[in-house]
Amino acid sequence: MISKASRYTDTTLLDAGSGITYWSSWVRIKELIDASTSFNYKEHVVTSVEVGCLDIIAQYYYNNERLWWIIAAFNNLIDPVQDMYVGQKLKIPSSQYIMLFTART
């Protein structure tokens, strides 16, 4: 469950039944997680300023804060505010992967 204080609260959710909801952006989440073991990625260590702020990390790596959900999905973070901590190592998929992934229908 996403905290009401989370910056991601207004993200559209999809109902998967049985009370389970997913962010609309995560429709292909299994594909992203599977790719995390076979695709090139950088490793990012979370700082105290970045805890709960995947948009800051996305802006740094992709020059686009709206791609935060890809980092969340790639690292299986359901609620970035609750699931992130200082010193955590995140996998950051390459820009090339992002272009390939988002270009697919």
C-alpha atoms as a PDB file:
ATOM      1  CA  MET A   1       0.000   0.000   0.000  1.00  0.00           C
ATOM      2  CA  ILE A   2       1.314   3.432  -0.927  1.00  0.00           C
ATOM      3  CA  SER A   3       1.490   5.882   1.947  1.00  0.00           C
ATOM      4  CA  LYS A   4      -0.784   8.932   1.620  1.00  0.00           C
ATOM      5  CA  ALA A   5       2.327  11.056   2.210  1.00  0.00           C
ATOM      6  CA  SER A   6       4.078   9.520  -0.807  1.00  0.00           C
ATOM      7  CA  ARG A   7       4.742  11.702  -3.853  1.00  0.00           C
ATOM      8  CA  TYR A   8       3.545   8.708  -5.874  1.00  0.00           C
ATOM      9  CA  THR A   9       0.063   8.611  -4.317  1.00  0.00           C
ATOM     10  CA  ASP A  10      -1.620  10.162  -7.362  1.00  0.00           C
ATOM     11  CA  THR A  11      -0.184   7.604  -9.784  1.00  0.00           C
ATOM     12  CA  THR A  12      -2.943   5.662 -11.536  1.00  0.00           C
ATOM     13  CA  LEU A  13      -3.486   2.216 -10.075  1.00  0.00           C
ATOM     14  CA  LEU A  14      -4.813  -0.875 -11.810  1.00  0.00           C
ATOM     15  CA  ASP A  15      -6.887  -3.413  -9.899  1.00  0.00           C
ATOM     16  CA  ALA A  16      -5.558  -6.936 -10.320  1.00  0.00           C
ATOM     17  CA  GLY A  17      -8.311  -8.462  -8.211  1.00  0.00           C
ATOM     18  CA  SER A  18      -8.143  -9.917  -4.699  1.00  0.00           C
ATOM     19  CA  GLY A  19      -7.404  -6.431  -3.361  1.00  0.00           C
ATOM     20  CA  ILE A  20      -4.088  -6.229  -5.225  1.00  0.00           C
ATOM     21  CA  THR A  21      -3.353  -3.032  -7.125  1.00  0.00           C
ATOM     22  CA  TYR A  22      -0.449  -2.067  -9.353  1.00  0.00           C
ATOM     23  CA  TRP A  23       0.736   1.228 -10.803  1.00  0.00           C
ATOM     24  CA  SER A  24      -0.530   1.561 -14.371  1.00  0.00           C
ATOM     25  CA  SER A  25       3.092   2.042 -15.428  1.00  0.00           C
ATOM     26  CA  TRP A  26       3.899  -1.466 -14.170  1.00  0.00           C
ATOM     27  CA  VAL A  27       1.793  -3.421 -16.636  1.00  0.00           C
ATOM     28  CA  ARG A  28       4.981  -5.043 -17.965  1.00  0.00           C
ATOM     29  CA  ILE A  29       6.787  -5.249 -14.628  1.00  0.00           C
ATOM     30  CA  LYS A  30       7.722  -8.928 -14.922  1.00  0.00           C
ATOM     31  CA  GLU A  31       9.567  -8.159 -18.120  1.00  0.00           C
ATOM     32  CA  LEU A  32      11.501  -5.358 -16.418  1.00  0.00           C
ATOM     33  CA  ILE A  33      12.457  -7.504 -13.438  1.00  0.00           C
ATOM     34  CA  ASP A  34      13.508 -10.389 -15.684  1.00  0.00           C
ATOM     35  CA  ALA A  35      15.638  -7.988 -17.708  1.00  0.00           C
ATOM     36  CA  SER A  36      17.408  -6.784 -14.566  1.00  0.00           C
ATOM     37  CA  THR A  37      19.402 -10.014 -14.476  1.00  0.00           C
ATOM     38  CA  SER A  38      20.352 -10.085 -18.150  1.00  0.00           C
ATOM     39  CA  PHE A  39      20.747  -6.450 -19.224  1.00  0.00           C
ATOM     40  CA  ASN A  40      23.554  -3.993 -18.586  1.00  0.00           C
ATOM     41  CA  TYR A  41      22.900  -1.609 -15.737  1.00  0.00           C
ATOM     42  CA  LYS A  42      24.740   0.808 -13.482  1.00  0.00           C
ATOM     43  CA  GLU A  43      24.685   0.544  -9.734  1.00  0.00           C
ATOM     44  CA  HIS A  44      23.556   3.556  -7.707  1.00  0.00           C
ATOM     45  CA  VAL A  45      23.971   3.942  -3.939  1.00  0.00           C
ATOM     46  CA  VAL A  46      21.070   5.852  -2.399  1.00  0.00           C
ATOM     47  CA  THR A  47      21.941   8.971  -0.367  1.00  0.00           C
ATOM     48  CA  SER A  48      19.864  10.499   2.432  1.00  0.00           C
ATOM     49  CA  VAL A  49      18.513  13.154   0.026  1.00  0.00           C
ATOM     50  CA  GLU A  50      17.314  10.473  -2.413  1.00  0.00           C
ATOM     51  CA  VAL A  51      15.380   8.218  -0.015  1.00  0.00           C
ATOM     52  CA  GLY A  52      11.837   8.066  -1.353  1.00  0.00           C
ATOM     53  CA  CYS A  53      12.740  10.242  -4.344  1.00  0.00           C
ATOM     54  CA  LEU A  54      13.268   8.049  -7.377  1.00  0.00           C
ATOM     55  CA  ASP A  55      12.445  11.063  -9.525  1.00  0.00           C
ATOM     56  CA  ILE A  56      15.731  12.691  -8.450  1.00  0.00           C
ATOM     57  CA  ILE A  57      17.652   9.580  -9.476  1.00  0.00           C
ATOM     58  CA  ALA A  58      15.796   9.349 -12.801  1.00  0.00           C
ATOM     59  CA  GLN A  59      16.568  13.003 -13.510  1.00  0.00           C
ATOM     60  CA  TYR A  60      20.262  12.365 -12.847  1.00  0.00           C
ATOM     61  CA  TYR A  61      20.575   9.283 -15.076  1.00  0.00           C
ATOM     62  CA  TYR A  62      17.984   9.973 -17.787  1.00  0.00           C
ATOM     63  CA  ASN A  63      17.464  13.727 -17.648  1.00  0.00           C
ATOM     64  CA  ASN A  64      13.781  12.888 -17.188  1.00  0.00           C
ATOM     65  CA  GLU A  65      12.262  12.632 -13.717  1.00  0.00           C
ATOM     66  CA  ARG A  66       9.118  10.978 -15.101  1.00  0.00           C
ATOM     67  CA  LEU A  67      11.078   7.746 -15.687  1.00  0.00           C
ATOM     68  CA  TRP A  68      11.239   7.062 -11.931  1.00  0.00           C
ATOM     69  CA  TRP A  69       8.833   4.128 -12.336  1.00  0.00           C
ATOM     70  CA  ILE A  70      11.355   2.230 -14.487  1.00  0.00           C
ATOM     71  CA  ILE A  71      13.921   2.357 -11.688  1.00  0.00           C
ATOM     72  CA  ALA A  72      11.204   1.282  -9.230  1.00  0.00           C
ATOM     73  CA  ALA A  73      10.168  -1.652 -11.399  1.00  0.00           C
ATOM     74  CA  PHE A  74      13.741  -2.666 -12.193  1.00  0.00           C
ATOM     75  CA  ASN A  75      14.450  -2.854  -8.448  1.00  0.00           C
ATOM     76  CA  ASN A  76      11.060  -4.269  -7.414  1.00  0.00           C
ATOM     77  CA  LEU A  77      10.250  -1.244  -5.236  1.00  0.00           C
ATOM     78  CA  ILE A  78       6.519  -1.172  -4.543  1.00  0.00           C
ATOM     79  CA  ASP A  79       6.526   1.987  -2.398  1.00  0.00           C
ATOM     80  CA  PRO A  80       9.724   4.022  -2.846  1.00  0.00           C
ATOM     81  CA  VAL A  81       9.102   5.938   0.383  1.00  0.00           C
ATOM     82  CA  GLN A  82       8.840   2.767   2.468  1.00  0.00           C
ATOM     83  CA  ASP A  83      11.223   0.537   0.507  1.00  0.00           C
ATOM     84  CA  MET A  84      14.261   2.818   0.111  1.00  0.00           C
ATOM     85  CA  TYR A  85      17.048   3.453   2.624  1.00  0.00           C
ATOM     86  CA  VAL A  86      20.443   5.190   2.791  1.00  0.00           C
ATOM     87  CA  GLY A  87      23.185   2.988   1.335  1.00  0.00           C
ATOM     88  CA  GLN A  88      20.781   0.840  -0.680  1.00  0.00           C
ATOM     89  CA  LYS A  89      22.193  -0.280  -4.024  1.00  0.00           C
ATOM     90  CA  LEU A  90      19.828   0.245  -6.947  1.00  0.00           C
ATOM     91  CA  LYS A  91      20.202  -1.141 -10.445  1.00  0.00           C
ATOM     92  CA  ILE A  92      19.852   1.616 -13.039  1.00  0.00           C
ATOM     93  CA  PRO A  93      19.073   0.296 -16.527  1.00  0.00           C
ATOM     94  CA  SER A  94      20.958   1.915 -19.384  1.00  0.00           C
ATOM     95  CA  SER A  95      19.387   4.660 -21.486  1.00  0.00           C
ATOM     96  CA  GLN A  96      19.610   2.281 -24.445  1.00  0.00           C
ATOM     97  CA  TYR A  97      17.447  -0.254 -22.614  1.00  0.00           C
ATOM     98  CA  ILE A  98      14.941   2.455 -21.692  1.00  0.00           C
ATOM     99  CA  MET A  99      14.631   3.490 -25.349  1.00  0.00           C
ATOM    100  CA  LEU A 100      14.117  -0.119 -26.455  1.00  0.00           C
ATOM    101  CA  PHE A 101      11.637  -0.876 -23.689  1.00  0.00           C
ATOM    102  CA  THR A 102       9.508   2.247 -24.091  1.00  0.00           C
ATOM    103  CA  ALA A 103       9.496   1.992 -27.912  1.00  0.00           C
ATOM    104  CA  ARG A 104       7.785  -1.420 -27.782  1.00  0.00           C
ATOM    105  CA  THR A 105       4.031  -1.631 -27.886  1.00  0.00           C
END
